Amino acid sequence: MNPYSLDLRTWVAAACQEPGAKKAAVARRFAVSRSFVKSLVRPQQQIGSLAPKPASGGRARYLDAAAQAWLVAYVAQHADATLAELNQAWQASGGRPVGQTCLWQVLDEHHLRRKKKPPRG
């Protein structure tokens, strides 16, 4: 989700400066949450800026580039392996325990699709 525009932030901050303005009424007026209004007013008073904070970048990857390369190479050699089998092979090769979702995300980024279940006999 993208941050609110600077225009909206300016309007909300100006409405909060009006005499007798209540944060809940301002939030209803602009169809935003009260927590947004509170979090907007506080930094404006402290640092004088209404600009949104930069994105933090999220959590670090569980598998580094070398581990991802190993996984892609393994899939190239074992095209019919399920995610569970890939996970077992990864851990057998000395890799740290990870969930199947972690493996799936790496393969999805490389446009490699995997079976989730073994074939039914």
PDB file of N, CA and C in Angstrom:
ATOM      1  N   MET A   1       0.831  -1.166   0.000  1.00  0.00           N
ATOM      2  CA  MET A   1       0.000   0.000   0.000  1.00  0.00           C
ATOM      3  C   MET A   1       0.885   1.242   0.000  1.00  0.00           C
ATOM      4  N   ASN A   2       0.553   2.185  -0.828  1.00  0.00           N
ATOM      5  CA  ASN A   2       1.325   3.413  -0.915  1.00  0.00           C
ATOM      6  C   ASN A   2       0.937   4.371   0.206  1.00  0.00           C
ATOM      7  N   PRO A   3       1.880   5.231   0.601  1.00  0.00           N
ATOM      8  CA  PRO A   3       1.536   6.222   1.626  1.00  0.00           C
ATOM      9  C   PRO A   3       0.568   7.259   1.070  1.00  0.00           C
ATOM     10  N   TYR A   4      -0.143   7.917   1.974  1.00  0.00           N
ATOM     11  CA  TYR A   4      -1.062   8.969   1.554  1.00  0.00           C
ATOM     12  C   TYR A   4      -0.290  10.097   0.887  1.00  0.00           C
ATOM     13  N   SER A   5      -0.930  10.786  -0.039  1.00  0.00           N
ATOM     14  CA  SER A   5      -0.275  11.869  -0.778  1.00  0.00           C
ATOM     15  C   SER A   5       0.058  13.032   0.151  1.00  0.00           C
ATOM     16  N   LEU A   6       1.015  13.820  -0.278  1.00  0.00           N
ATOM     17  CA  LEU A   6       1.416  14.985   0.507  1.00  0.00           C
ATOM     18  C   LEU A   6       0.286  16.007   0.567  1.00  0.00           C
ATOM     19  N   ASP A   7      -0.529  16.097  -0.492  1.00  0.00           N
ATOM     20  CA  ASP A   7      -1.682  16.997  -0.476  1.00  0.00           C
ATOM     21  C   ASP A   7      -2.645  16.628   0.655  1.00  0.00           C
ATOM     22  N   LEU A   8      -3.018  15.362   0.725  1.00  0.00           N
ATOM     23  CA  LEU A   8      -3.930  14.914   1.772  1.00  0.00           C
ATOM     24  C   LEU A   8      -3.333  15.161   3.147  1.00  0.00           C
ATOM     25  N   ARG A   9      -2.057  14.862   3.292  1.00  0.00           N
ATOM     26  CA  ARG A   9      -1.382  15.083   4.571  1.00  0.00           C
ATOM     27  C   ARG A   9      -1.440  16.556   4.964  1.00  0.00           C
ATOM     28  N   THR A  10      -1.262  17.439   3.987  1.00  0.00           N
ATOM     29  CA  THR A  10      -1.310  18.881   4.250  1.00  0.00           C
ATOM     30  C   THR A  10      -2.706  19.309   4.675  1.00  0.00           C
ATOM     31  N   TRP A  11      -3.722  18.793   3.985  1.00  0.00           N
ATOM     32  CA  TRP A  11      -5.112  19.136   4.324  1.00  0.00           C
ATOM     33  C   TRP A  11      -5.476  18.663   5.728  1.00  0.00           C
ATOM     34  N   VAL A  12      -5.079  17.431   6.061  1.00  0.00           N
ATOM     35  CA  VAL A  12      -5.382  16.875   7.373  1.00  0.00           C
ATOM     36  C   VAL A  12      -4.671  17.684   8.463  1.00  0.00           C
ATOM     37  N   ALA A  13      -3.399  18.013   8.227  1.00  0.00           N
ATOM     38  CA  ALA A  13      -2.652  18.792   9.218  1.00  0.00           C
ATOM     39  C   ALA A  13      -3.269  20.175   9.402  1.00  0.00           C
ATOM     40  N   ALA A  14      -3.692  20.800   8.312  1.00  0.00           N
ATOM     41  CA  ALA A  14      -4.324  22.117   8.406  1.00  0.00           C
ATOM     42  C   ALA A  14      -5.651  22.030   9.159  1.00  0.00           C
ATOM     43  N   ALA A  15      -6.422  20.968   8.914  1.00  0.00           N
ATOM     44  CA  ALA A  15      -7.702  20.792   9.613  1.00  0.00           C
ATOM     45  C   ALA A  15      -7.474  20.584  11.109  1.00  0.00           C
ATOM     46  N   CYS A  16      -6.374  19.937  11.476  1.00  0.00           N
ATOM     47  CA  CYS A  16      -6.071  19.727  12.899  1.00  0.00           C
ATOM     48  C   CYS A  16      -5.695  21.036  13.584  1.00  0.00           C
ATOM     49  N   GLN A  17      -5.213  22.009  12.818  1.00  0.00           N
ATOM     50  CA  GLN A  17      -4.805  23.301  13.379  1.00  0.00           C
ATOM     51  C   GLN A  17      -5.988  24.245  13.595  1.00  0.00           C
ATOM     52  N   GLU A  18      -7.139  23.904  13.002  1.00  0.00           N
ATOM     53  CA  GLU A  18      -8.312  24.764  13.160  1.00  0.00           C
ATOM     54  C   GLU A  18      -8.737  24.791  14.624  1.00  0.00           C
ATOM     55  N   PRO A  19      -9.256  25.943  15.103  1.00  0.00           N
ATOM     56  CA  PRO A  19      -9.674  26.031  16.506  1.00  0.00           C
ATOM     57  C   PRO A  19     -10.777  25.022  16.829  1.00  0.00           C
ATOM     58  N   GLY A  20     -10.581  24.299  17.906  1.00  0.00           N
ATOM     59  CA  GLY A  20     -11.587  23.338  18.364  1.00  0.00           C
ATOM     60  C   GLY A  20     -11.627  22.043  17.581  1.00  0.00           C
ATOM     61  N   ALA A  21     -10.662  21.825  16.720  1.00  0.00           N
ATOM     62  CA  ALA A  21     -10.651  20.609  15.889  1.00  0.00           C
ATOM     63  C   ALA A  21     -10.323  19.386  16.741  1.00  0.00           C
ATOM     64  N   LYS A  22     -11.088  18.352  16.543  1.00  0.00           N
ATOM     65  CA  LYS A  22     -10.858  17.074  17.219  1.00  0.00           C
ATOM     66  C   LYS A  22     -10.316  16.097  16.183  1.00  0.00           C
ATOM     67  N   LYS A  23      -9.361  15.273  16.612  1.00  0.00           N
ATOM     68  CA  LYS A  23      -8.724  14.325  15.684  1.00  0.00           C
ATOM     69  C   LYS A  23      -9.736  13.349  15.091  1.00  0.00           C
ATOM     70  N   ALA A  24     -10.690  12.911  15.886  1.00  0.00           N
ATOM     71  CA  ALA A  24     -11.696  11.960  15.398  1.00  0.00           C
ATOM     72  C   ALA A  24     -12.554  12.601  14.307  1.00  0.00           C
ATOM     73  N   ALA A  25     -12.928  13.874  14.485  1.00  0.00           N
ATOM     74  CA  ALA A  25     -13.745  14.566  13.485  1.00  0.00           C
ATOM     75  C   ALA A  25     -12.951  14.785  12.196  1.00  0.00           C
ATOM     76  N   VAL A  26     -11.682  15.130  12.345  1.00  0.00           N
ATOM     77  CA  VAL A  26     -10.820  15.315  11.161  1.00  0.00           C
ATOM     78  C   VAL A  26     -10.680  13.988  10.415  1.00  0.00           C
ATOM     79  N   ALA A  27     -10.507  12.909  11.153  1.00  0.00           N
ATOM     80  CA  ALA A  27     -10.367  11.590  10.522  1.00  0.00           C
ATOM     81  C   ALA A  27     -11.624  11.229   9.732  1.00  0.00           C
ATOM     82  N   ARG A  28     -12.789  11.475  10.315  1.00  0.00           N
ATOM     83  CA  ARG A  28     -14.043  11.192   9.589  1.00  0.00           C
ATOM     84  C   ARG A  28     -14.175  12.076   8.355  1.00  0.00           C
ATOM     85  N   ARG A  29     -13.820  13.345   8.504  1.00  0.00           N
ATOM     86  CA  ARG A  29     -13.960  14.306   7.401  1.00  0.00           C
ATOM     87  C   ARG A  29     -13.145  13.890   6.178  1.00  0.00           C
ATOM     88  N   PHE A  30     -11.951  13.365   6.412  1.00  0.00           N
ATOM     89  CA  PHE A  30     -11.069  12.995   5.294  1.00  0.00           C
ATOM     90  C   PHE A  30     -11.035  11.494   5.027  1.00  0.00           C
ATOM     91  N   ALA A  31     -11.868  10.739   5.715  1.00  0.00           N
ATOM     92  CA  ALA A  31     -11.974   9.279   5.534  1.00  0.00           C
ATOM     93  C   ALA A  31     -10.626   8.583   5.740  1.00  0.00           C
ATOM     94  N   VAL A  32      -9.970   8.951   6.836  1.00  0.00           N
ATOM     95  CA  VAL A  32      -8.729   8.289   7.232  1.00  0.00           C
ATOM     96  C   VAL A  32      -8.904   7.818   8.674  1.00  0.00           C
ATOM     97  N   SER A  33      -7.974   7.056   9.153  1.00  0.00           N
ATOM     98  CA  SER A  33      -8.081   6.559  10.532  1.00  0.00           C
ATOM     99  C   SER A  33      -7.587   7.598  11.534  1.00  0.00           C
ATOM    100  N   ARG A  34      -8.073   7.454  12.757  1.00  0.00           N
ATOM    101  CA  ARG A  34      -7.617   8.365  13.819  1.00  0.00           C
ATOM    102  C   ARG A  34      -6.131   8.163  14.088  1.00  0.00           C
ATOM    103  N   SER A  35      -5.675   6.914  13.988  1.00  0.00           N
ATOM    104  CA  SER A  35      -4.253   6.658  14.229  1.00  0.00           C
ATOM    105  C   SER A  35      -3.383   7.363  13.183  1.00  0.00           C
ATOM    106  N   PHE A  36      -3.885   7.458  11.935  1.00  0.00           N
ATOM    107  CA  PHE A  36      -3.140   8.194  10.912  1.00  0.00           C
ATOM    108  C   PHE A  36      -3.038   9.665  11.291  1.00  0.00           C
ATOM    109  N   VAL A  37      -4.141  10.238  11.741  1.00  0.00           N
ATOM    110  CA  VAL A  37      -4.140  11.655  12.126  1.00  0.00           C
ATOM    111  C   VAL A  37      -3.165  11.884  13.278  1.00  0.00           C
ATOM    112  N   LYS A  38      -3.205  11.010  14.285  1.00  0.00           N
ATOM    113  CA  LYS A  38      -2.281  11.133  15.417  1.00  0.00           C
ATOM    114  C   LYS A  38      -0.834  11.008  14.958  1.00  0.00           C
ATOM    115  N   SER A  39      -0.572  10.007  14.117  1.00  0.00           N
ATOM    116  CA  SER A  39       0.805   9.784  13.678  1.00  0.00           C
ATOM    117  C   SER A  39       1.275  10.869  12.719  1.00  0.00           C
ATOM    118  N   LEU A  40       0.371  11.611  12.121  1.00  0.00           N
ATOM    119  CA  LEU A  40       0.743  12.706  11.235  1.00  0.00           C
ATOM    120  C   LEU A  40       1.057  13.966  12.035  1.00  0.00           C
ATOM    121  N   VAL A  41       0.255  14.242  13.045  1.00  0.00           N
ATOM    122  CA  VAL A  41       0.413  15.475  13.820  1.00  0.00           C
ATOM    123  C   VAL A  41       1.681  15.438  14.667  1.00  0.00           C
ATOM    124  N   ARG A  42       1.965  14.306  15.284  1.00  0.00           N
ATOM    125  CA  ARG A  42       3.126  14.198  16.171  1.00  0.00           C
ATOM    126  C   ARG A  42       4.448  14.501  15.460  1.00  0.00           C
ATOM    127  N   PRO A  43       4.780  13.843  14.319  1.00  0.00           N
ATOM    128  CA  PRO A  43       6.047  14.169  13.645  1.00  0.00           C
ATOM    129  C   PRO A  43       6.075  15.605  13.115  1.00  0.00           C
ATOM    130  N   GLN A  44       4.915  16.122  12.722  1.00  0.00           N
ATOM    131  CA  GLN A  44       4.893  17.488  12.220  1.00  0.00           C
ATOM    132  C   GLN A  44       5.315  18.449  13.327  1.00  0.00           C
ATOM    133  N   GLN A  45       4.864  18.203  14.529  1.00  0.00           N
ATOM    134  CA  GLN A  45       5.235  19.065  15.652  1.00  0.00           C
ATOM    135  C   GLN A  45       6.704  18.879  16.029  1.00  0.00           C
ATOM    136  N   GLN A  46       7.206  17.668  15.910  1.00  0.00           N
ATOM    137  CA  GLN A  46       8.581  17.385  16.328  1.00  0.00           C
ATOM    138  C   GLN A  46       9.616  17.804  15.289  1.00  0.00           C
ATOM    139  N   ILE A  47       9.388  17.413  14.014  1.00  0.00           N
ATOM    140  CA  ILE A  47      10.404  17.691  12.995  1.00  0.00           C
ATOM    141  C   ILE A  47       9.939  18.660  11.921  1.00  0.00           C
ATOM    142  N   GLY A  48       8.671  19.000  11.918  1.00  0.00           N
ATOM    143  CA  GLY A  48       8.157  19.987  10.981  1.00  0.00           C
ATOM    144  C   GLY A  48       7.942  19.479   9.569  1.00  0.00           C
ATOM    145  N   SER A  49       7.842  18.173   9.404  1.00  0.00           N
ATOM    146  CA  SER A  49       7.664  17.611   8.067  1.00  0.00           C
ATOM    147  C   SER A  49       6.427  16.727   8.017  1.00  0.00           C
ATOM    148  N   LEU A  50       5.741  16.791   6.894  1.00  0.00           N
ATOM    149  CA  LEU A  50       4.574  15.937   6.676  1.00  0.00           C
ATOM    150  C   LEU A  50       4.884  14.775   5.735  1.00  0.00           C
ATOM    151  N   ALA A  51       6.086  14.747   5.212  1.00  0.00           N
ATOM    152  CA  ALA A  51       6.452  13.711   4.243  1.00  0.00           C
ATOM    153  C   ALA A  51       6.414  12.330   4.900  1.00  0.00           C
ATOM    154  N   PRO A  52       5.981  11.310   4.163  1.00  0.00           N
ATOM    155  CA  PRO A  52       5.969   9.960   4.730  1.00  0.00           C
ATOM    156  C   PRO A  52       7.386   9.451   4.951  1.00  0.00           C
ATOM    157  N   LYS A  53       7.533   8.557   5.901  1.00  0.00           N
ATOM    158  CA  LYS A  53       8.841   7.951   6.162  1.00  0.00           C
ATOM    159  C   LYS A  53       9.213   7.053   4.985  1.00  0.00           C
ATOM    160  N   PRO A  54      10.503   6.913   4.700  1.00  0.00           N
ATOM    161  CA  PRO A  54      10.896   6.003   3.627  1.00  0.00           C
ATOM    162  C   PRO A  54      10.601   4.556   4.015  1.00  0.00           C
ATOM    163  N   ALA A  55      10.414   3.716   3.010  1.00  0.00           N
ATOM    164  CA  ALA A  55      10.148   2.297   3.256  1.00  0.00           C
ATOM    165  C   ALA A  55      11.354   1.670   3.942  1.00  0.00           C
ATOM    166  N   SER A  56      11.090   0.763   4.853  1.00  0.00           N
ATOM    167  CA  SER A  56      12.169   0.158   5.634  1.00  0.00           C
ATOM    168  C   SER A  56      12.872  -0.969   4.898  1.00  0.00           C
ATOM    169  N   GLY A  57      12.250  -1.533   3.881  1.00  0.00           N
ATOM    170  CA  GLY A  57      12.905  -2.586   3.115  1.00  0.00           C
ATOM    171  C   GLY A  57      12.522  -3.995   3.528  1.00  0.00           C
ATOM    172  N   GLY A  58      11.862  -4.164   4.621  1.00  0.00           N
ATOM    173  CA  GLY A  58      11.404  -5.488   5.021  1.00  0.00           C
ATOM    174  C   GLY A  58      12.487  -6.334   5.662  1.00  0.00           C
ATOM    175  N   ARG A  59      12.130  -7.565   5.954  1.00  0.00           N
ATOM    176  CA  ARG A  59      13.052  -8.488   6.619  1.00  0.00           C
ATOM    177  C   ARG A  59      14.126  -8.968   5.656  1.00  0.00           C
ATOM    178  N   ALA A  60      15.270  -9.342   6.221  1.00  0.00           N
ATOM    179  CA  ALA A  60      16.355  -9.902   5.420  1.00  0.00           C
ATOM    180  C   ALA A  60      15.957 -11.290   4.915  1.00  0.00           C
ATOM    181  N   ARG A  61      16.510 -11.684   3.793  1.00  0.00           N
ATOM    182  CA  ARG A  61      16.201 -12.993   3.218  1.00  0.00           C
ATOM    183  C   ARG A  61      16.787 -14.103   4.072  1.00  0.00           C
ATOM    184  N   TYR A  62      16.081 -15.219   4.159  1.00  0.00           N
ATOM    185  CA  TYR A  62      16.598 -16.374   4.878  1.00  0.00           C
ATOM    186  C   TYR A  62      17.683 -17.076   4.068  1.00  0.00           C
ATOM    187  N   LEU A  63      17.555 -17.049   2.760  1.00  0.00           N
ATOM    188  CA  LEU A  63      18.536 -17.699   1.898  1.00  0.00           C
ATOM    189  C   LEU A  63      19.349 -16.633   1.165  1.00  0.00           C
ATOM    190  N   ASP A  64      20.660 -16.696   1.310  1.00  0.00           N
ATOM    191  CA  ASP A  64      21.514 -15.731   0.627  1.00  0.00           C
ATOM    192  C   ASP A  64      21.644 -16.100  -0.852  1.00  0.00           C
ATOM    193  N   ALA A  65      22.408 -15.332  -1.595  1.00  0.00           N
ATOM    194  CA  ALA A  65      22.524 -15.529  -3.045  1.00  0.00           C
ATOM    195  C   ALA A  65      23.099 -16.905  -3.385  1.00  0.00           C
ATOM    196  N   ALA A  66      24.092 -17.364  -2.618  1.00  0.00           N
ATOM    197  CA  ALA A  66      24.696 -18.678  -2.888  1.00  0.00           C
ATOM    198  C   ALA A  66      23.678 -19.796  -2.658  1.00  0.00           C
ATOM    199  N   ALA A  67      22.905 -19.684  -1.602  1.00  0.00           N
ATOM    200  CA  ALA A  67      21.883 -20.694  -1.316  1.00  0.00           C
ATOM    201  C   ALA A  67      20.804 -20.690  -2.391  1.00  0.00           C
ATOM    202  N   GLN A  68      20.425 -19.515  -2.856  1.00  0.00           N
ATOM    203  CA  GLN A  68      19.428 -19.429  -3.918  1.00  0.00           C
ATOM    204  C   GLN A  68      19.963 -20.051  -5.205  1.00  0.00           C
ATOM    205  N   ALA A  69      21.242 -19.812  -5.507  1.00  0.00           N
ATOM    206  CA  ALA A  69      21.849 -20.404  -6.713  1.00  0.00           C
ATOM    207  C   ALA A  69      21.872 -21.926  -6.602  1.00  0.00           C
ATOM    208  N   TRP A  70      22.186 -22.455  -5.408  1.00  0.00           N
ATOM    209  CA  TRP A  70      22.192 -23.901  -5.214  1.00  0.00           C
ATOM    210  C   TRP A  70      20.793 -24.459  -5.470  1.00  0.00           C
ATOM    211  N   LEU A  71      19.797 -23.796  -4.940  1.00  0.00           N
ATOM    212  CA  LEU A  71      18.419 -24.263  -5.081  1.00  0.00           C
ATOM    213  C   LEU A  71      17.987 -24.289  -6.543  1.00  0.00           C
ATOM    214  N   VAL A  72      18.301 -23.233  -7.286  1.00  0.00           N
ATOM    215  CA  VAL A  72      17.936 -23.172  -8.706  1.00  0.00           C
ATOM    216  C   VAL A  72      18.665 -24.273  -9.482  1.00  0.00           C
ATOM    217  N   ALA A  73      19.937 -24.499  -9.177  1.00  0.00           N
ATOM    218  CA  ALA A  73      20.696 -25.559  -9.853  1.00  0.00           C
ATOM    219  C   ALA A  73      20.124 -26.931  -9.521  1.00  0.00           C
ATOM    220  N   TYR A  74      19.732 -27.142  -8.275  1.00  0.00           N
ATOM    221  CA  TYR A  74      19.158 -28.422  -7.870  1.00  0.00           C
ATOM    222  C   TYR A  74      17.852 -28.682  -8.609  1.00  0.00           C
ATOM    223  N   VAL A  75      17.043 -27.657  -8.749  1.00  0.00           N
ATOM    224  CA  VAL A  75      15.764 -27.805  -9.459  1.00  0.00           C
ATOM    225  C   VAL A  75      16.020 -28.117 -10.931  1.00  0.00           C
ATOM    226  N   ALA A  76      17.062 -27.544 -11.502  1.00  0.00           N
ATOM    227  CA  ALA A  76      17.385 -27.844 -12.899  1.00  0.00           C
ATOM    228  C   ALA A  76      17.721 -29.320 -13.078  1.00  0.00           C
ATOM    229  N   GLN A  77      18.347 -29.942 -12.077  1.00  0.00           N
ATOM    230  CA  GLN A  77      18.715 -31.355 -12.159  1.00  0.00           C
ATOM    231  C   GLN A  77      17.582 -32.287 -11.730  1.00  0.00           C
ATOM    232  N   HIS A  78      16.710 -31.822 -10.850  1.00  0.00           N
ATOM    233  CA  HIS A  78      15.614 -32.630 -10.313  1.00  0.00           C
ATOM    234  C   HIS A  78      14.296 -31.907 -10.555  1.00  0.00           C
ATOM    235  N   ALA A  79      13.879 -31.877 -11.789  1.00  0.00           N
ATOM    236  CA  ALA A  79      12.721 -31.072 -12.184  1.00  0.00           C
ATOM    237  C   ALA A  79      11.406 -31.568 -11.590  1.00  0.00           C
ATOM    238  N   ASP A  80      11.341 -32.826 -11.180  1.00  0.00           N
ATOM    239  CA  ASP A  80      10.070 -33.352 -10.681  1.00  0.00           C
ATOM    240  C   ASP A  80       9.994 -33.389  -9.155  1.00  0.00           C
ATOM    241  N   ALA A  81      10.949 -32.770  -8.465  1.00  0.00           N
ATOM    242  CA  ALA A  81      10.949 -32.787  -6.998  1.00  0.00           C
ATOM    243  C   ALA A  81       9.852 -31.882  -6.444  1.00  0.00           C
ATOM    244  N   THR A  82       9.212 -32.340  -5.395  1.00  0.00           N
ATOM    245  CA  THR A  82       8.198 -31.523  -4.728  1.00  0.00           C
ATOM    246  C   THR A  82       8.899 -30.532  -3.795  1.00  0.00           C
ATOM    247  N   LEU A  83       8.142 -29.612  -3.249  1.00  0.00           N
ATOM    248  CA  LEU A  83       8.717 -28.657  -2.301  1.00  0.00           C
ATOM    249  C   LEU A  83       9.267 -29.368  -1.067  1.00  0.00           C
ATOM    250  N   ALA A  84       8.569 -30.386  -0.594  1.00  0.00           N
ATOM    251  CA  ALA A  84       9.038 -31.137   0.573  1.00  0.00           C
ATOM    252  C   ALA A  84      10.361 -31.830   0.263  1.00  0.00           C
ATOM    253  N   GLU A  85      10.461 -32.414  -0.928  1.00  0.00           N
ATOM    254  CA  GLU A  85      11.715 -33.070  -1.322  1.00  0.00           C
ATOM    255  C   GLU A  85      12.840 -32.064  -1.483  1.00  0.00           C
ATOM    256  N   LEU A  86      12.532 -30.891  -2.018  1.00  0.00           N
ATOM    257  CA  LEU A  86      13.547 -29.836  -2.127  1.00  0.00           C
ATOM    258  C   LEU A  86      14.032 -29.408  -0.747  1.00  0.00           C
ATOM    259  N   ASN A  87      13.101 -29.294   0.176  1.00  0.00           N
ATOM    260  CA  ASN A  87      13.455 -28.887   1.531  1.00  0.00           C
ATOM    261  C   ASN A  87      14.355 -29.938   2.184  1.00  0.00           C
ATOM    262  N   GLN A  88      14.035 -31.222   1.984  1.00  0.00           N
ATOM    263  CA  GLN A  88      14.859 -32.293   2.544  1.00  0.00           C
ATOM    264  C   GLN A  88      16.249 -32.273   1.925  1.00  0.00           C
ATOM    265  N   ALA A  89      16.331 -32.094   0.622  1.00  0.00           N
ATOM    266  CA  ALA A  89      17.626 -32.050  -0.057  1.00  0.00           C
ATOM    267  C   ALA A  89      18.438 -30.850   0.412  1.00  0.00           C
ATOM    268  N   TRP A  90      17.782 -29.728   0.588  1.00  0.00           N
ATOM    269  CA  TRP A  90      18.460 -28.515   1.054  1.00  0.00           C
ATOM    270  C   TRP A  90      19.067 -28.737   2.436  1.00  0.00           C
ATOM    271  N   GLN A  91      18.286 -29.324   3.345  1.00  0.00           N
ATOM    272  CA  GLN A  91      18.790 -29.549   4.693  1.00  0.00           C
ATOM    273  C   GLN A  91      19.851 -30.645   4.724  1.00  0.00           C
ATOM    274  N   ALA A  92      19.739 -31.645   3.835  1.00  0.00           N
ATOM    275  CA  ALA A  92      20.735 -32.712   3.763  1.00  0.00           C
ATOM    276  C   ALA A  92      22.073 -32.176   3.246  1.00  0.00           C
ATOM    277  N   SER A  93      22.032 -31.111   2.453  1.00  0.00           N
ATOM    278  CA  SER A  93      23.270 -30.538   1.918  1.00  0.00           C
ATOM    279  C   SER A  93      23.938 -29.603   2.926  1.00  0.00           C
ATOM    280  N   GLY A  94      23.338 -29.477   4.109  1.00  0.00           N
ATOM    281  CA  GLY A  94      23.930 -28.637   5.140  1.00  0.00           C
ATOM    282  C   GLY A  94      23.282 -27.283   5.283  1.00  0.00           C
ATOM    283  N   GLY A  95      22.175 -27.069   4.584  1.00  0.00           N
ATOM    284  CA  GLY A  95      21.475 -25.793   4.677  1.00  0.00           C
ATOM    285  C   GLY A  95      20.690 -25.683   5.963  1.00  0.00           C
ATOM    286  N   ARG A  96      20.480 -24.474   6.410  1.00  0.00           N
ATOM    287  CA  ARG A  96      19.714 -24.249   7.643  1.00  0.00           C
ATOM    288  C   ARG A  96      18.245 -24.575   7.412  1.00  0.00           C
ATOM    289  N   PRO A  97      17.547 -25.026   8.416  1.00  0.00           N
ATOM    290  CA  PRO A  97      16.135 -25.367   8.251  1.00  0.00           C
ATOM    291  C   PRO A  97      15.308 -24.126   7.867  1.00  0.00           C
ATOM    292  N   VAL A  98      14.540 -24.268   6.810  1.00  0.00           N
ATOM    293  CA  VAL A  98      13.645 -23.207   6.353  1.00  0.00           C
ATOM    294  C   VAL A  98      12.298 -23.831   6.025  1.00  0.00           C
ATOM    295  N   GLY A  99      11.287 -23.010   5.934  1.00  0.00           N
ATOM    296  CA  GLY A  99       9.970 -23.487   5.559  1.00  0.00           C
ATOM    297  C   GLY A  99       9.840 -23.621   4.050  1.00  0.00           C
ATOM    298  N   GLN A 100       8.835 -24.369   3.637  1.00  0.00           N
ATOM    299  CA  GLN A 100       8.615 -24.554   2.206  1.00  0.00           C
ATOM    300  C   GLN A 100       8.238 -23.249   1.527  1.00  0.00           C
ATOM    301  N   THR A 101       7.615 -22.336   2.263  1.00  0.00           N
ATOM    302  CA  THR A 101       7.256 -21.050   1.682  1.00  0.00           C
ATOM    303  C   THR A 101       8.497 -20.278   1.277  1.00  0.00           C
ATOM    304  N   CYS A 102       9.533 -20.355   2.075  1.00  0.00           N
ATOM    305  CA  CYS A 102      10.796 -19.686   1.760  1.00  0.00           C
ATOM    306  C   CYS A 102      11.355 -20.222   0.447  1.00  0.00           C
ATOM    307  N   LEU A 103      11.351 -21.537   0.288  1.00  0.00           N
ATOM    308  CA  LEU A 103      11.833 -22.145  -0.957  1.00  0.00           C
ATOM    309  C   LEU A 103      10.945 -21.749  -2.125  1.00  0.00           C
ATOM    310  N   TRP A 104       9.642 -21.751  -1.902  1.00  0.00           N
ATOM    311  CA  TRP A 104       8.696 -21.392  -2.952  1.00  0.00           C
ATOM    312  C   TRP A 104       8.949 -19.966  -3.444  1.00  0.00           C
ATOM    313  N   GLN A 105       9.202 -19.048  -2.538  1.00  0.00           N
ATOM    314  CA  GLN A 105       9.419 -17.652  -2.924  1.00  0.00           C
ATOM    315  C   GLN A 105      10.654 -17.511  -3.799  1.00  0.00           C
ATOM    316  N   VAL A 106      11.715 -18.234  -3.470  1.00  0.00           N
ATOM    317  CA  VAL A 106      12.926 -18.186  -4.291  1.00  0.00           C
ATOM    318  C   VAL A 106      12.641 -18.744  -5.685  1.00  0.00           C
ATOM    319  N   LEU A 107      11.968 -19.872  -5.738  1.00  0.00           N
ATOM    320  CA  LEU A 107      11.666 -20.487  -7.033  1.00  0.00           C
ATOM    321  C   LEU A 107      10.704 -19.620  -7.838  1.00  0.00           C
ATOM    322  N   ASP A 108       9.757 -18.993  -7.178  1.00  0.00           N
ATOM    323  CA  ASP A 108       8.807 -18.122  -7.862  1.00  0.00           C
ATOM    324  C   ASP A 108       9.528 -16.923  -8.479  1.00  0.00           C
ATOM    325  N   GLU A 109      10.507 -16.377  -7.775  1.00  0.00           N
ATOM    326  CA  GLU A 109      11.273 -15.252  -8.321  1.00  0.00           C
ATOM    327  C   GLU A 109      12.047 -15.650  -9.573  1.00  0.00           C
ATOM    328  N   HIS A 110      12.424 -16.927  -9.654  1.00  0.00           N
ATOM    329  CA  HIS A 110      13.148 -17.430 -10.828  1.00  0.00           C
ATOM    330  C   HIS A 110      12.198 -18.080 -11.844  1.00  0.00           C
ATOM    331  N   HIS A 111      10.903 -17.883 -11.642  1.00  0.00           N
ATOM    332  CA  HIS A 111       9.857 -18.411 -12.538  1.00  0.00           C
ATOM    333  C   HIS A 111       9.932 -19.924 -12.673  1.00  0.00           C
ATOM    334  N   LEU A 112      10.247 -20.597 -11.569  1.00  0.00           N
ATOM    335  CA  LEU A 112      10.267 -22.053 -11.526  1.00  0.00           C
ATOM    336  C   LEU A 112       9.081 -22.514 -10.692  1.00  0.00           C
ATOM    337  N   ARG A 113       8.189 -23.252 -11.291  1.00  0.00           N
ATOM    338  CA  ARG A 113       6.996 -23.723 -10.587  1.00  0.00           C
ATOM    339  C   ARG A 113       7.259 -25.106 -10.012  1.00  0.00           C
ATOM    340  N   ARG A 114       6.701 -25.363  -8.830  1.00  0.00           N
ATOM    341  CA  ARG A 114       6.905 -26.637  -8.155  1.00  0.00           C
ATOM    342  C   ARG A 114       5.574 -27.275  -7.830  1.00  0.00           C
ATOM    343  N   LYS A 115       5.643 -28.598  -7.729  1.00  0.00           N
ATOM    344  CA  LYS A 115       4.502 -29.345  -7.251  1.00  0.00           C
ATOM    345  C   LYS A 115       4.482 -29.249  -5.724  1.00  0.00           C
ATOM    346  N   LYS A 116       3.285 -29.164  -5.167  1.00  0.00           N
ATOM    347  CA  LYS A 116       3.170 -29.078  -3.718  1.00  0.00           C
ATOM    348  C   LYS A 116       2.998 -30.441  -3.089  1.00  0.00           C
ATOM    349  N   LYS A 117       2.524 -31.429  -3.862  1.00  0.00           N
ATOM    350  CA  LYS A 117       2.261 -32.746  -3.317  1.00  0.00           C
ATOM    351  C   LYS A 117       2.920 -33.796  -4.209  1.00  0.00           C
ATOM    352  N   PRO A 118       3.305 -34.946  -3.637  1.00  0.00           N
ATOM    353  CA  PRO A 118       3.863 -36.017  -4.464  1.00  0.00           C
ATOM    354  C   PRO A 118       2.763 -36.606  -5.367  1.00  0.00           C
ATOM    355  N   PRO A 119       3.164 -37.256  -6.457  1.00  0.00           N
ATOM    356  CA  PRO A 119       2.151 -37.840  -7.349  1.00  0.00           C
ATOM    357  C   PRO A 119       1.354 -38.931  -6.643  1.00  0.00           C
ATOM    358  N   ARG A 120       0.100 -39.015  -6.996  1.00  0.00           N
ATOM    359  CA  ARG A 120      -0.768 -40.035  -6.397  1.00  0.00           C
ATOM    360  C   ARG A 120      -0.599 -41.330  -7.173  1.00  0.00           C
ATOM    361  N   GLY A 121      -0.396 -42.406  -6.429  1.00  0.00           N
ATOM    362  CA  GLY A 121      -0.099 -43.682  -7.057  1.00  0.00           C
ATOM    363  C   GLY A 121      -1.259 -44.461  -7.322  1.00  0.00           C
TER     364      GLY A 121
END
